[in-house]
Amino acid sequence: MRKAKKVQLMIAYKNVSGDSKVARYHAAKDALTVRFTDHSVYLYTNQSVSPEEIAKMKSLAEAGKGLGTYIAANAKDRWARKVR
């Protein structure tokens, strides 16, 4: 019998500024998955960026402001995996 695949529920990004490229996110213990408005999805982990950067990205995600700008400036190509 196959085990059911655990589904990650992504939270809608508040987008306080109104012009973010971030659409949704999912925060895990040591990672952040981000879905952008172009439907691409990237996984950032403590190994691909530093634990401090993951903490900062989670904080920005919860605030709904600045995550896309932070990723573009600091973590752009340092994702662990492109999910979609």
C-alpha atoms as a PDB file:
ATOM      1  CA  MET A   1       0.000   0.000   0.000  1.00  0.00           C
ATOM      2  CA  ARG A   2       1.379   3.444  -0.942  1.00  0.00           C
ATOM      3  CA  LYS A   3       1.716   6.163   1.630  1.00  0.00           C
ATOM      4  CA  ALA A   4      -0.221   9.319   0.933  1.00  0.00           C
ATOM      5  CA  LYS A   5       1.962  12.188  -0.203  1.00  0.00           C
ATOM      6  CA  LYS A   6       2.050  15.012   2.315  1.00  0.00           C
ATOM      7  CA  VAL A   7       0.664  18.167   0.735  1.00  0.00           C
ATOM      8  CA  GLN A   8       2.210  21.511   1.620  1.00  0.00           C
ATOM      9  CA  LEU A   9      -0.396  24.199   1.990  1.00  0.00           C
ATOM     10  CA  MET A  10       0.939  27.499   0.799  1.00  0.00           C
ATOM     11  CA  ILE A  11      -0.147  30.724   2.437  1.00  0.00           C
ATOM     12  CA  ALA A  12      -1.187  33.694   0.309  1.00  0.00           C
ATOM     13  CA  TYR A  13       1.421  36.446   0.481  1.00  0.00           C
ATOM     14  CA  LYS A  14      -0.215  39.651   1.788  1.00  0.00           C
ATOM     15  CA  ASN A  15       1.584  41.848  -0.757  1.00  0.00           C
ATOM     16  CA  VAL A  16       1.255  45.033   1.276  1.00  0.00           C
ATOM     17  CA  SER A  17       2.968  47.112  -1.428  1.00  0.00           C
ATOM     18  CA  GLY A  18       0.635  45.781  -4.129  1.00  0.00           C
ATOM     19  CA  ASP A  19       3.349  45.086  -6.704  1.00  0.00           C
ATOM     20  CA  SER A  20       5.192  42.021  -5.394  1.00  0.00           C
ATOM     21  CA  LYS A  21       6.219  39.138  -7.618  1.00  0.00           C
ATOM     22  CA  VAL A  22       5.606  36.765  -4.650  1.00  0.00           C
ATOM     23  CA  ALA A  23       2.191  35.061  -4.667  1.00  0.00           C
ATOM     24  CA  ARG A  24       2.367  32.365  -1.959  1.00  0.00           C
ATOM     25  CA  TYR A  25       4.807  30.797   0.481  1.00  0.00           C
ATOM     26  CA  HIS A  26       5.235  27.867   2.821  1.00  0.00           C
ATOM     27  CA  ALA A  27       7.541  28.084   5.827  1.00  0.00           C
ATOM     28  CA  ALA A  28       9.083  24.904   7.225  1.00  0.00           C
ATOM     29  CA  LYS A  29      11.513  24.466  10.119  1.00  0.00           C
ATOM     30  CA  ASP A  30      14.640  25.120   8.048  1.00  0.00           C
ATOM     31  CA  ALA A  31      13.260  26.149   4.667  1.00  0.00           C
ATOM     32  CA  LEU A  32      10.956  28.465   2.767  1.00  0.00           C
ATOM     33  CA  THR A  33       9.124  27.566  -0.424  1.00  0.00           C
ATOM     34  CA  VAL A  34       8.078  30.557  -2.520  1.00  0.00           C
ATOM     35  CA  ARG A  35       5.625  30.646  -5.438  1.00  0.00           C
ATOM     36  CA  PHE A  36       5.948  33.696  -7.638  1.00  0.00           C
ATOM     37  CA  THR A  37       3.242  35.335  -9.741  1.00  0.00           C
ATOM     38  CA  ASP A  38       4.673  33.650 -12.874  1.00  0.00           C
ATOM     39  CA  HIS A  39       3.812  30.307 -11.158  1.00  0.00           C
ATOM     40  CA  SER A  40       7.459  29.326 -10.671  1.00  0.00           C
ATOM     41  CA  VAL A  41       8.158  27.743  -7.288  1.00  0.00           C
ATOM     42  CA  TYR A  42      11.541  27.716  -5.532  1.00  0.00           C
ATOM     43  CA  LEU A  43      12.720  26.061  -2.338  1.00  0.00           C
ATOM     44  CA  TYR A  44      15.250  27.958  -0.220  1.00  0.00           C
ATOM     45  CA  THR A  45      16.896  26.041   2.646  1.00  0.00           C
ATOM     46  CA  ASN A  46      19.417  26.607   5.418  1.00  0.00           C
ATOM     47  CA  GLN A  47      21.932  24.875   3.146  1.00  0.00           C
ATOM     48  CA  SER A  48      21.278  26.967   0.038  1.00  0.00           C
ATOM     49  CA  VAL A  49      21.193  30.270   1.936  1.00  0.00           C
ATOM     50  CA  SER A  50      22.197  30.812   5.556  1.00  0.00           C
ATOM     51  CA  PRO A  51      19.878  30.062   8.503  1.00  0.00           C
ATOM     52  CA  GLU A  52      19.869  33.804   9.220  1.00  0.00           C
ATOM     53  CA  GLU A  53      18.661  34.535   5.703  1.00  0.00           C
ATOM     54  CA  ILE A  54      15.907  31.912   6.001  1.00  0.00           C
ATOM     55  CA  ALA A  55      14.793  33.542   9.265  1.00  0.00           C
ATOM     56  CA  LYS A  56      14.780  36.974   7.571  1.00  0.00           C
ATOM     57  CA  MET A  57      12.835  35.625   4.588  1.00  0.00           C
ATOM     58  CA  LYS A  58      10.247  34.004   6.896  1.00  0.00           C
ATOM     59  CA  SER A  59       9.848  37.275   8.769  1.00  0.00           C
ATOM     60  CA  LEU A  60       9.319  39.199   5.532  1.00  0.00           C
ATOM     61  CA  ALA A  61       6.874  36.539   4.276  1.00  0.00           C
ATOM     62  CA  GLU A  62       4.776  36.790   7.429  1.00  0.00           C
ATOM     63  CA  ALA A  63       4.809  40.598   7.238  1.00  0.00           C
ATOM     64  CA  GLY A  64       3.722  40.450   3.580  1.00  0.00           C
ATOM     65  CA  LYS A  65       6.245  43.056   2.541  1.00  0.00           C
ATOM     66  CA  GLY A  66       9.756  42.980   1.107  1.00  0.00           C
ATOM     67  CA  LEU A  67      10.217  39.271   0.396  1.00  0.00           C
ATOM     68  CA  GLY A  68      10.508  39.560  -3.378  1.00  0.00           C
ATOM     69  CA  THR A  69      12.946  42.456  -3.102  1.00  0.00           C
ATOM     70  CA  TYR A  70      15.025  40.584  -0.527  1.00  0.00           C
ATOM     71  CA  ILE A  71      15.183  37.451  -2.676  1.00  0.00           C
ATOM     72  CA  ALA A  72      16.157  39.458  -5.772  1.00  0.00           C
ATOM     73  CA  ALA A  73      18.942  41.249  -3.898  1.00  0.00           C
ATOM     74  CA  ASN A  74      20.256  38.493  -1.631  1.00  0.00           C
ATOM     75  CA  ALA A  75      19.127  34.973  -2.503  1.00  0.00           C
ATOM     76  CA  LYS A  76      18.107  35.071  -6.158  1.00  0.00           C
ATOM     77  CA  ASP A  77      20.018  32.089  -7.574  1.00  0.00           C
ATOM     78  CA  ARG A  78      20.812  30.335  -4.308  1.00  0.00           C
ATOM     79  CA  TRP A  79      17.695  28.187  -4.167  1.00  0.00           C
ATOM     80  CA  ALA A  80      18.029  24.524  -3.226  1.00  0.00           C
ATOM     81  CA  ARG A  81      15.550  23.306  -5.824  1.00  0.00           C
ATOM     82  CA  LYS A  82      13.272  24.656  -8.500  1.00  0.00           C
ATOM     83  CA  VAL A  83       9.993  22.906  -7.753  1.00  0.00           C
ATOM     84  CA  ARG A  84       8.123  24.227 -10.777  1.00  0.00           C
END
